[in-house]
Amino acid sequence: MYKYNIHTLLRKLSYEDYQISWKFFPERLSISTSTWKRWIYIKKDSSAQIPLCALVMIASFFEVEISELLNNQPTENVKRSFKLFKNAAL
């Protein structure tokens, strides 16, 4: 599973736009094509991250919120975890 939903969003483009995007994003973000590819396929458990300024531009292109780029389906209820932590600390 990937950390970001960029690959999914790219696949929704037309074939022509998909092909052009592989040149557009690296040029626009001032990164190499290999960095762009690495960003798209960052594994969920990896510590690697896309810089926020790049996420802003990518989200703008796809007309989505940055949060929609993140593939972060919560694995646990954070509020519940906090309560358990708090109770254990007291």
C-alpha atoms as a PDB file:
ATOM      1  CA  MET A   1       0.000   0.000   0.000  1.00  0.00           C
ATOM      2  CA  TYR A   2       1.225   3.475  -0.850  1.00  0.00           C
ATOM      3  CA  LYS A   3       1.521   6.438   1.524  1.00  0.00           C
ATOM      4  CA  TYR A   4      -0.049   8.834  -0.996  1.00  0.00           C
ATOM      5  CA  ASN A   5      -3.000   8.470  -3.396  1.00  0.00           C
ATOM      6  CA  ILE A   6      -1.151  10.138  -6.254  1.00  0.00           C
ATOM      7  CA  HIS A   7      -0.971   6.986  -8.369  1.00  0.00           C
ATOM      8  CA  THR A   8      -4.720   6.512  -8.070  1.00  0.00           C
ATOM      9  CA  LEU A   9      -5.386  10.108  -9.115  1.00  0.00           C
ATOM     10  CA  LEU A  10      -2.964   9.868 -12.031  1.00  0.00           C
ATOM     11  CA  ARG A  11      -4.730   6.760 -13.301  1.00  0.00           C
ATOM     12  CA  LYS A  12      -7.979   8.724 -13.491  1.00  0.00           C
ATOM     13  CA  LEU A  13      -6.450  11.024 -16.106  1.00  0.00           C
ATOM     14  CA  SER A  14      -6.844  10.371 -19.798  1.00  0.00           C
ATOM     15  CA  TYR A  15      -4.015   8.353 -21.315  1.00  0.00           C
ATOM     16  CA  GLU A  16      -2.594  11.468 -22.994  1.00  0.00           C
ATOM     17  CA  ASP A  17      -2.740  13.556 -19.804  1.00  0.00           C
ATOM     18  CA  TYR A  18      -1.217  10.698 -17.819  1.00  0.00           C
ATOM     19  CA  GLN A  19       1.741  10.563 -20.203  1.00  0.00           C
ATOM     20  CA  ILE A  20       2.205  14.344 -20.133  1.00  0.00           C
ATOM     21  CA  SER A  21       1.990  14.411 -16.332  1.00  0.00           C
ATOM     22  CA  TRP A  22       5.197  12.346 -16.098  1.00  0.00           C
ATOM     23  CA  LYS A  23       7.030  15.278 -17.685  1.00  0.00           C
ATOM     24  CA  PHE A  24       4.964  18.089 -16.191  1.00  0.00           C
ATOM     25  CA  PHE A  25       5.276  17.289 -12.489  1.00  0.00           C
ATOM     26  CA  PRO A  26       9.064  16.821 -12.372  1.00  0.00           C
ATOM     27  CA  GLU A  27       9.562  20.032 -14.352  1.00  0.00           C
ATOM     28  CA  ARG A  28       7.055  22.017 -12.314  1.00  0.00           C
ATOM     29  CA  LEU A  29       8.359  20.698  -8.973  1.00  0.00           C
ATOM     30  CA  SER A  30      12.015  21.061 -10.038  1.00  0.00           C
ATOM     31  CA  ILE A  31      12.755  17.412  -9.328  1.00  0.00           C
ATOM     32  CA  SER A  32      14.035  14.533 -11.414  1.00  0.00           C
ATOM     33  CA  THR A  33      11.733  12.013 -13.038  1.00  0.00           C
ATOM     34  CA  SER A  34      13.145   9.351 -10.737  1.00  0.00           C
ATOM     35  CA  THR A  35      12.256  11.442  -7.664  1.00  0.00           C
ATOM     36  CA  TRP A  36       8.721  11.871  -8.991  1.00  0.00           C
ATOM     37  CA  LYS A  37       8.430   8.129  -9.512  1.00  0.00           C
ATOM     38  CA  ARG A  38       9.816   7.467  -6.038  1.00  0.00           C
ATOM     39  CA  TRP A  39       7.263   9.872  -4.529  1.00  0.00           C
ATOM     40  CA  ILE A  40       4.345   8.167  -6.269  1.00  0.00           C
ATOM     41  CA  TYR A  41       5.377   4.748  -4.995  1.00  0.00           C
ATOM     42  CA  ILE A  42       6.382   5.593  -1.402  1.00  0.00           C
ATOM     43  CA  LYS A  43       5.255   2.680   0.737  1.00  0.00           C
ATOM     44  CA  LYS A  44       2.920   3.431   3.620  1.00  0.00           C
ATOM     45  CA  ASP A  45       5.416   2.262   6.250  1.00  0.00           C
ATOM     46  CA  SER A  46       8.302   4.292   4.780  1.00  0.00           C
ATOM     47  CA  SER A  47       9.706   7.309   6.613  1.00  0.00           C
ATOM     48  CA  ALA A  48      10.084   9.124   3.264  1.00  0.00           C
ATOM     49  CA  GLN A  49       7.720  12.026   2.699  1.00  0.00           C
ATOM     50  CA  ILE A  50       6.814  14.454  -0.026  1.00  0.00           C
ATOM     51  CA  PRO A  51       7.555  18.074   0.975  1.00  0.00           C
ATOM     52  CA  LEU A  52       4.464  20.077   1.878  1.00  0.00           C
ATOM     53  CA  CYS A  53       5.067  22.669  -0.843  1.00  0.00           C
ATOM     54  CA  ALA A  54       4.999  19.871  -3.441  1.00  0.00           C
ATOM     55  CA  LEU A  55       1.848  18.351  -1.928  1.00  0.00           C
ATOM     56  CA  VAL A  56       0.148  21.747  -2.189  1.00  0.00           C
ATOM     57  CA  MET A  57       0.913  21.949  -5.904  1.00  0.00           C
ATOM     58  CA  ILE A  58      -0.096  18.332  -6.558  1.00  0.00           C
ATOM     59  CA  ALA A  59      -3.371  18.795  -4.668  1.00  0.00           C
ATOM     60  CA  SER A  60      -4.050  21.982  -6.608  1.00  0.00           C
ATOM     61  CA  PHE A  61      -3.533  20.160  -9.907  1.00  0.00           C
ATOM     62  CA  PHE A  62      -5.996  17.422  -8.983  1.00  0.00           C
ATOM     63  CA  GLU A  63      -8.368  19.935  -7.336  1.00  0.00           C
ATOM     64  CA  VAL A  64      -8.396  17.995  -4.067  1.00  0.00           C
ATOM     65  CA  GLU A  65      -7.497  18.799  -0.491  1.00  0.00           C
ATOM     66  CA  ILE A  66      -4.036  17.773   0.657  1.00  0.00           C
ATOM     67  CA  SER A  67      -5.681  15.353   3.077  1.00  0.00           C
ATOM     68  CA  GLU A  68      -7.125  13.504   0.068  1.00  0.00           C
ATOM     69  CA  LEU A  69      -3.598  12.817  -1.180  1.00  0.00           C
ATOM     70  CA  LEU A  70      -2.775  11.018   2.033  1.00  0.00           C
ATOM     71  CA  ASN A  71      -3.592   7.361   2.147  1.00  0.00           C
ATOM     72  CA  ASN A  72      -4.121   7.367   5.885  1.00  0.00           C
ATOM     73  CA  GLN A  73      -6.941   5.141   6.834  1.00  0.00           C
ATOM     74  CA  PRO A  74      -6.747   5.243  10.610  1.00  0.00           C
ATOM     75  CA  THR A  75      -5.823   1.944  12.157  1.00  0.00           C
ATOM     76  CA  GLU A  76      -7.087   2.925  15.576  1.00  0.00           C
ATOM     77  CA  ASN A  77      -9.168   5.531  17.286  1.00  0.00           C
ATOM     78  CA  VAL A  78      -6.701   8.230  18.394  1.00  0.00           C
ATOM     79  CA  LYS A  79      -9.048   9.618  21.030  1.00  0.00           C
ATOM     80  CA  ARG A  80      -9.421   6.143  22.551  1.00  0.00           C
ATOM     81  CA  SER A  81      -5.650   5.663  22.504  1.00  0.00           C
ATOM     82  CA  PHE A  82      -5.181   8.986  24.272  1.00  0.00           C
ATOM     83  CA  LYS A  83      -7.635   8.043  27.004  1.00  0.00           C
ATOM     84  CA  LEU A  84      -5.837   4.724  27.556  1.00  0.00           C
ATOM     85  CA  PHE A  85      -2.490   6.523  27.666  1.00  0.00           C
ATOM     86  CA  LYS A  86      -3.849   9.153  30.036  1.00  0.00           C
ATOM     87  CA  ASN A  87      -5.314   6.553  32.382  1.00  0.00           C
ATOM     88  CA  ALA A  88      -2.062   4.599  32.420  1.00  0.00           C
ATOM     89  CA  ALA A  89      -0.093   7.766  33.194  1.00  0.00           C
ATOM     90  CA  LEU A  90      -2.270   8.657  36.204  1.00  0.00           C
END
